[in-house]
């Protein structure tokens, strides 16, 4: 099976990021900073807009929740790699 194009590039980037400890931790730091920005925007910038509709509120905070789960999975993967001794 040949991985050409966009999918192959994405897979190779993911493998590179996951195998390099410093790159993985820099990426996790950037993800956490972006999460803090998303929470701040949801609480103070677009709170009136989110308050107007239940669907908007649910979608926005649902996306934020999925993003949190992604970060937790990255942290769990990092913990397992450290425990394994890389």
N, C-alpha and C. Protein backbone atom coordinates (compact mmCIF):
# COMPACT_ATOMS: atom_id res chain seq x y z
N UNK A 1 0.84 -1.17 0.00
CA UNK A 1 0.00 0.00 0.00
C UNK A 1 0.89 1.23 0.00
N UNK A 2 0.67 2.08 -0.96
CA UNK A 2 1.49 3.27 -1.12
C UNK A 2 0.76 4.49 -0.55
N UNK A 3 1.45 5.27 0.28
CA UNK A 3 0.87 6.50 0.83
C UNK A 3 1.47 7.69 0.10
N UNK A 4 0.78 8.16 -0.89
CA UNK A 4 1.25 9.32 -1.64
C UNK A 4 0.39 10.52 -1.32
N UNK A 5 0.93 11.67 -1.56
CA UNK A 5 0.15 12.89 -1.43
C UNK A 5 -0.03 13.36 -0.01
N UNK A 6 -1.18 13.96 0.19
CA UNK A 6 -1.48 14.64 1.44
C UNK A 6 -1.54 13.67 2.63
N UNK A 7 -2.17 12.53 2.46
CA UNK A 7 -2.31 11.58 3.56
C UNK A 7 -0.95 11.03 3.97
N UNK A 8 -0.12 10.70 3.01
CA UNK A 8 1.21 10.20 3.33
C UNK A 8 2.06 11.23 4.05
N UNK A 9 1.95 12.47 3.62
CA UNK A 9 2.68 13.55 4.29
C UNK A 9 2.20 13.72 5.72
N UNK A 10 0.89 13.69 5.93
CA UNK A 10 0.34 13.82 7.29
C UNK A 10 0.80 12.67 8.18
N UNK A 11 0.81 11.46 7.65
CA UNK A 11 1.24 10.31 8.45
C UNK A 11 2.71 10.40 8.82
N UNK A 12 3.55 10.84 7.89
CA UNK A 12 4.97 10.97 8.19
C UNK A 12 5.22 12.07 9.21
N UNK A 13 4.50 13.19 9.10
CA UNK A 13 4.62 14.27 10.09
C UNK A 13 4.19 13.79 11.47
N UNK A 14 3.09 13.05 11.53
CA UNK A 14 2.60 12.55 12.82
C UNK A 14 3.61 11.61 13.45
N UNK A 15 4.19 10.72 12.66
CA UNK A 15 5.20 9.80 13.19
C UNK A 15 6.41 10.56 13.70
N UNK A 16 6.82 11.59 12.97
CA UNK A 16 7.97 12.39 13.40
C UNK A 16 7.71 13.12 14.69
N UNK A 17 6.53 13.70 14.81
CA UNK A 17 6.19 14.44 16.02
C UNK A 17 6.07 13.49 17.21
N UNK A 18 5.45 12.35 17.00
CA UNK A 18 5.24 11.42 18.11
C UNK A 18 6.52 10.77 18.58
N UNK A 19 7.50 10.62 17.72
CA UNK A 19 8.74 9.95 18.12
C UNK A 19 9.78 10.89 18.71
N UNK A 20 9.68 12.17 18.47
CA UNK A 20 10.65 13.14 18.99
C UNK A 20 10.08 13.80 20.24
N UNK A 21 10.72 13.58 21.39
CA UNK A 21 10.20 14.05 22.67
C UNK A 21 10.09 15.57 22.73
N UNK A 22 11.12 16.30 22.31
CA UNK A 22 11.08 17.76 22.42
C UNK A 22 10.02 18.34 21.49
N UNK A 23 9.91 17.82 20.29
CA UNK A 23 8.90 18.31 19.35
C UNK A 23 7.50 18.01 19.87
N UNK A 24 7.32 16.82 20.44
CA UNK A 24 6.02 16.42 21.00
C UNK A 24 5.62 17.35 22.14
N UNK A 25 6.56 17.67 23.01
CA UNK A 25 6.23 18.53 24.16
C UNK A 25 6.01 19.98 23.74
N UNK A 26 6.75 20.45 22.74
CA UNK A 26 6.49 21.80 22.22
C UNK A 26 5.09 21.88 21.63
N UNK A 27 4.70 20.83 20.90
CA UNK A 27 3.38 20.81 20.31
C UNK A 27 2.31 20.78 21.39
N UNK A 28 2.51 20.00 22.44
CA UNK A 28 1.53 19.95 23.53
C UNK A 28 1.41 21.30 24.22
N UNK A 29 2.52 22.00 24.39
CA UNK A 29 2.48 23.33 24.99
C UNK A 29 1.68 24.29 24.14
N UNK A 30 1.90 24.25 22.82
CA UNK A 30 1.14 25.11 21.93
C UNK A 30 -0.34 24.77 21.93
N UNK A 31 -0.67 23.48 22.02
CA UNK A 31 -2.07 23.06 22.08
C UNK A 31 -2.74 23.57 23.35
N UNK A 32 -2.01 23.53 24.47
CA UNK A 32 -2.59 24.01 25.74
C UNK A 32 -2.78 25.52 25.71
N UNK A 33 -1.84 26.25 25.13
CA UNK A 33 -2.01 27.71 25.02
C UNK A 33 -3.23 28.04 24.17
N UNK A 34 -3.39 27.32 23.05
CA UNK A 34 -4.55 27.55 22.19
C UNK A 34 -5.84 27.19 22.93
N UNK A 35 -5.82 26.15 23.75
CA UNK A 35 -7.00 25.78 24.54
C UNK A 35 -7.37 26.90 25.51
N UNK A 36 -6.38 27.48 26.17
CA UNK A 36 -6.65 28.59 27.08
C UNK A 36 -7.25 29.78 26.35
N UNK A 37 -6.78 30.03 25.13
CA UNK A 37 -7.34 31.11 24.32
C UNK A 37 -8.79 30.80 23.95
N UNK A 38 -9.06 29.55 23.58
CA UNK A 38 -10.44 29.16 23.24
C UNK A 38 -11.39 29.32 24.43
N UNK A 39 -10.94 28.93 25.61
CA UNK A 39 -11.78 29.07 26.81
C UNK A 39 -12.01 30.54 27.13
N UNK A 40 -10.96 31.36 27.02
CA UNK A 40 -11.10 32.79 27.29
C UNK A 40 -12.05 33.45 26.30
N UNK A 41 -11.94 33.10 25.03
CA UNK A 41 -12.83 33.66 24.01
C UNK A 41 -14.27 33.23 24.29
N UNK A 42 -14.47 31.98 24.64
CA UNK A 42 -15.82 31.49 24.92
C UNK A 42 -16.44 32.12 26.16
N UNK A 43 -15.60 32.46 27.13
CA UNK A 43 -16.13 33.04 28.37
C UNK A 43 -16.32 34.54 28.31
N UNK A 44 -15.47 35.26 27.58
CA UNK A 44 -15.53 36.72 27.66
C UNK A 44 -15.80 37.42 26.34
N UNK A 45 -15.43 36.86 25.23
CA UNK A 45 -15.58 37.58 23.96
C UNK A 45 -16.90 37.25 23.29
N UNK A 46 -17.22 35.98 23.15
CA UNK A 46 -18.44 35.60 22.44
C UNK A 46 -19.50 35.00 23.38
N UNK A 47 -19.45 35.35 24.65
CA UNK A 47 -20.39 34.77 25.60
C UNK A 47 -21.83 35.17 25.31
N UNK A 48 -22.07 36.41 24.88
CA UNK A 48 -23.44 36.82 24.54
C UNK A 48 -23.95 36.05 23.33
N UNK A 49 -23.09 35.87 22.34
CA UNK A 49 -23.48 35.13 21.14
C UNK A 49 -23.78 33.67 21.47
N UNK A 50 -22.98 33.09 22.34
CA UNK A 50 -23.21 31.70 22.73
C UNK A 50 -24.47 31.56 23.59
N UNK A 51 -24.76 32.58 24.38
CA UNK A 51 -25.92 32.54 25.27
C UNK A 51 -27.24 32.60 24.49
N UNK A 52 -27.20 33.16 23.27
CA UNK A 52 -28.42 33.31 22.48
C UNK A 52 -28.96 32.00 21.92
N UNK A 53 -28.11 31.01 21.73
CA UNK A 53 -28.59 29.76 21.14
C UNK A 53 -28.00 28.54 21.83
N UNK A 54 -28.87 27.59 22.14
CA UNK A 54 -28.43 26.37 22.80
C UNK A 54 -27.55 25.54 21.88
N UNK A 55 -27.88 25.53 20.60
CA UNK A 55 -27.12 24.74 19.63
C UNK A 55 -25.71 25.30 19.49
N UNK A 56 -25.61 26.63 19.37
CA UNK A 56 -24.28 27.26 19.28
C UNK A 56 -23.44 26.96 20.51
N UNK A 57 -24.06 27.10 21.68
CA UNK A 57 -23.37 26.83 22.94
C UNK A 57 -22.88 25.39 22.98
N UNK A 58 -23.75 24.46 22.64
CA UNK A 58 -23.40 23.04 22.68
C UNK A 58 -22.29 22.70 21.69
N UNK A 59 -22.39 23.23 20.49
CA UNK A 59 -21.36 22.94 19.48
C UNK A 59 -20.02 23.51 19.90
N UNK A 60 -20.00 24.77 20.34
CA UNK A 60 -18.73 25.40 20.70
C UNK A 60 -18.06 24.66 21.85
N UNK A 61 -18.80 24.44 22.93
CA UNK A 61 -18.19 23.79 24.08
C UNK A 61 -17.96 22.30 23.84
N UNK A 62 -18.71 21.71 22.93
CA UNK A 62 -18.44 20.34 22.53
C UNK A 62 -17.11 20.23 21.79
N UNK A 63 -16.85 21.19 20.91
CA UNK A 63 -15.55 21.22 20.20
C UNK A 63 -14.42 21.44 21.19
N UNK A 64 -14.62 22.34 22.13
CA UNK A 64 -13.60 22.58 23.15
C UNK A 64 -13.37 21.30 23.97
N UNK A 65 -14.43 20.60 24.30
CA UNK A 65 -14.30 19.35 25.05
C UNK A 65 -13.54 18.29 24.27
N UNK A 66 -13.81 18.18 22.97
CA UNK A 66 -13.09 17.22 22.14
C UNK A 66 -11.61 17.59 22.05
N UNK A 67 -11.34 18.87 21.99
CA UNK A 67 -9.97 19.36 21.94
C UNK A 67 -9.24 19.01 23.25
N UNK A 68 -9.94 19.14 24.37
CA UNK A 68 -9.36 18.75 25.67
C UNK A 68 -9.04 17.26 25.68
N UNK A 69 -9.95 16.44 25.16
CA UNK A 69 -9.70 15.00 25.10
C UNK A 69 -8.48 14.68 24.24
N UNK A 70 -8.31 15.41 23.13
CA UNK A 70 -7.14 15.21 22.28
C UNK A 70 -5.86 15.54 23.04
N UNK A 71 -5.87 16.63 23.80
CA UNK A 71 -4.69 17.01 24.58
C UNK A 71 -4.41 15.96 25.66
N UNK A 72 -5.47 15.45 26.30
CA UNK A 72 -5.29 14.41 27.30
C UNK A 72 -4.71 13.14 26.70
N UNK A 73 -5.14 12.78 25.50
CA UNK A 73 -4.57 11.62 24.82
C UNK A 73 -3.09 11.83 24.50
N UNK A 74 -2.74 13.05 24.07
CA UNK A 74 -1.34 13.35 23.81
C UNK A 74 -0.51 13.24 25.10
N UNK A 75 -1.05 13.75 26.20
CA UNK A 75 -0.34 13.68 27.48
C UNK A 75 -0.21 12.23 27.95
N UNK A 76 -1.26 11.43 27.75
CA UNK A 76 -1.21 10.02 28.12
C UNK A 76 -0.16 9.28 27.28
N UNK A 77 -0.11 9.58 25.99
CA UNK A 77 0.89 8.97 25.12
C UNK A 77 2.29 9.35 25.57
N UNK A 78 2.48 10.62 25.92
CA UNK A 78 3.79 11.08 26.39
C UNK A 78 4.17 10.37 27.69
N UNK A 79 3.20 10.21 28.58
CA UNK A 79 3.47 9.51 29.84
C UNK A 79 3.88 8.06 29.59
N UNK A 80 3.18 7.39 28.68
CA UNK A 80 3.52 6.01 28.37
C UNK A 80 4.91 5.90 27.75
N UNK A 81 5.26 6.84 26.87
CA UNK A 81 6.59 6.82 26.25
C UNK A 81 7.67 7.05 27.30
N UNK A 82 7.42 7.92 28.27
CA UNK A 82 8.41 8.17 29.32
C UNK A 82 8.54 6.96 30.21
N UNK A 83 7.42 6.34 30.57
CA UNK A 83 7.46 5.15 31.42
C UNK A 83 8.17 3.99 30.73
N UNK A 84 8.00 3.91 29.44
CA UNK A 84 8.64 2.85 28.67
C UNK A 84 10.13 3.10 28.52
N UNK A 85 10.55 4.32 28.69
CA UNK A 85 11.96 4.66 28.61
C UNK A 85 12.41 5.02 27.22
N UNK A 86 11.45 5.21 26.32
CA UNK A 86 11.71 5.54 24.93
C UNK A 86 12.81 4.65 24.45
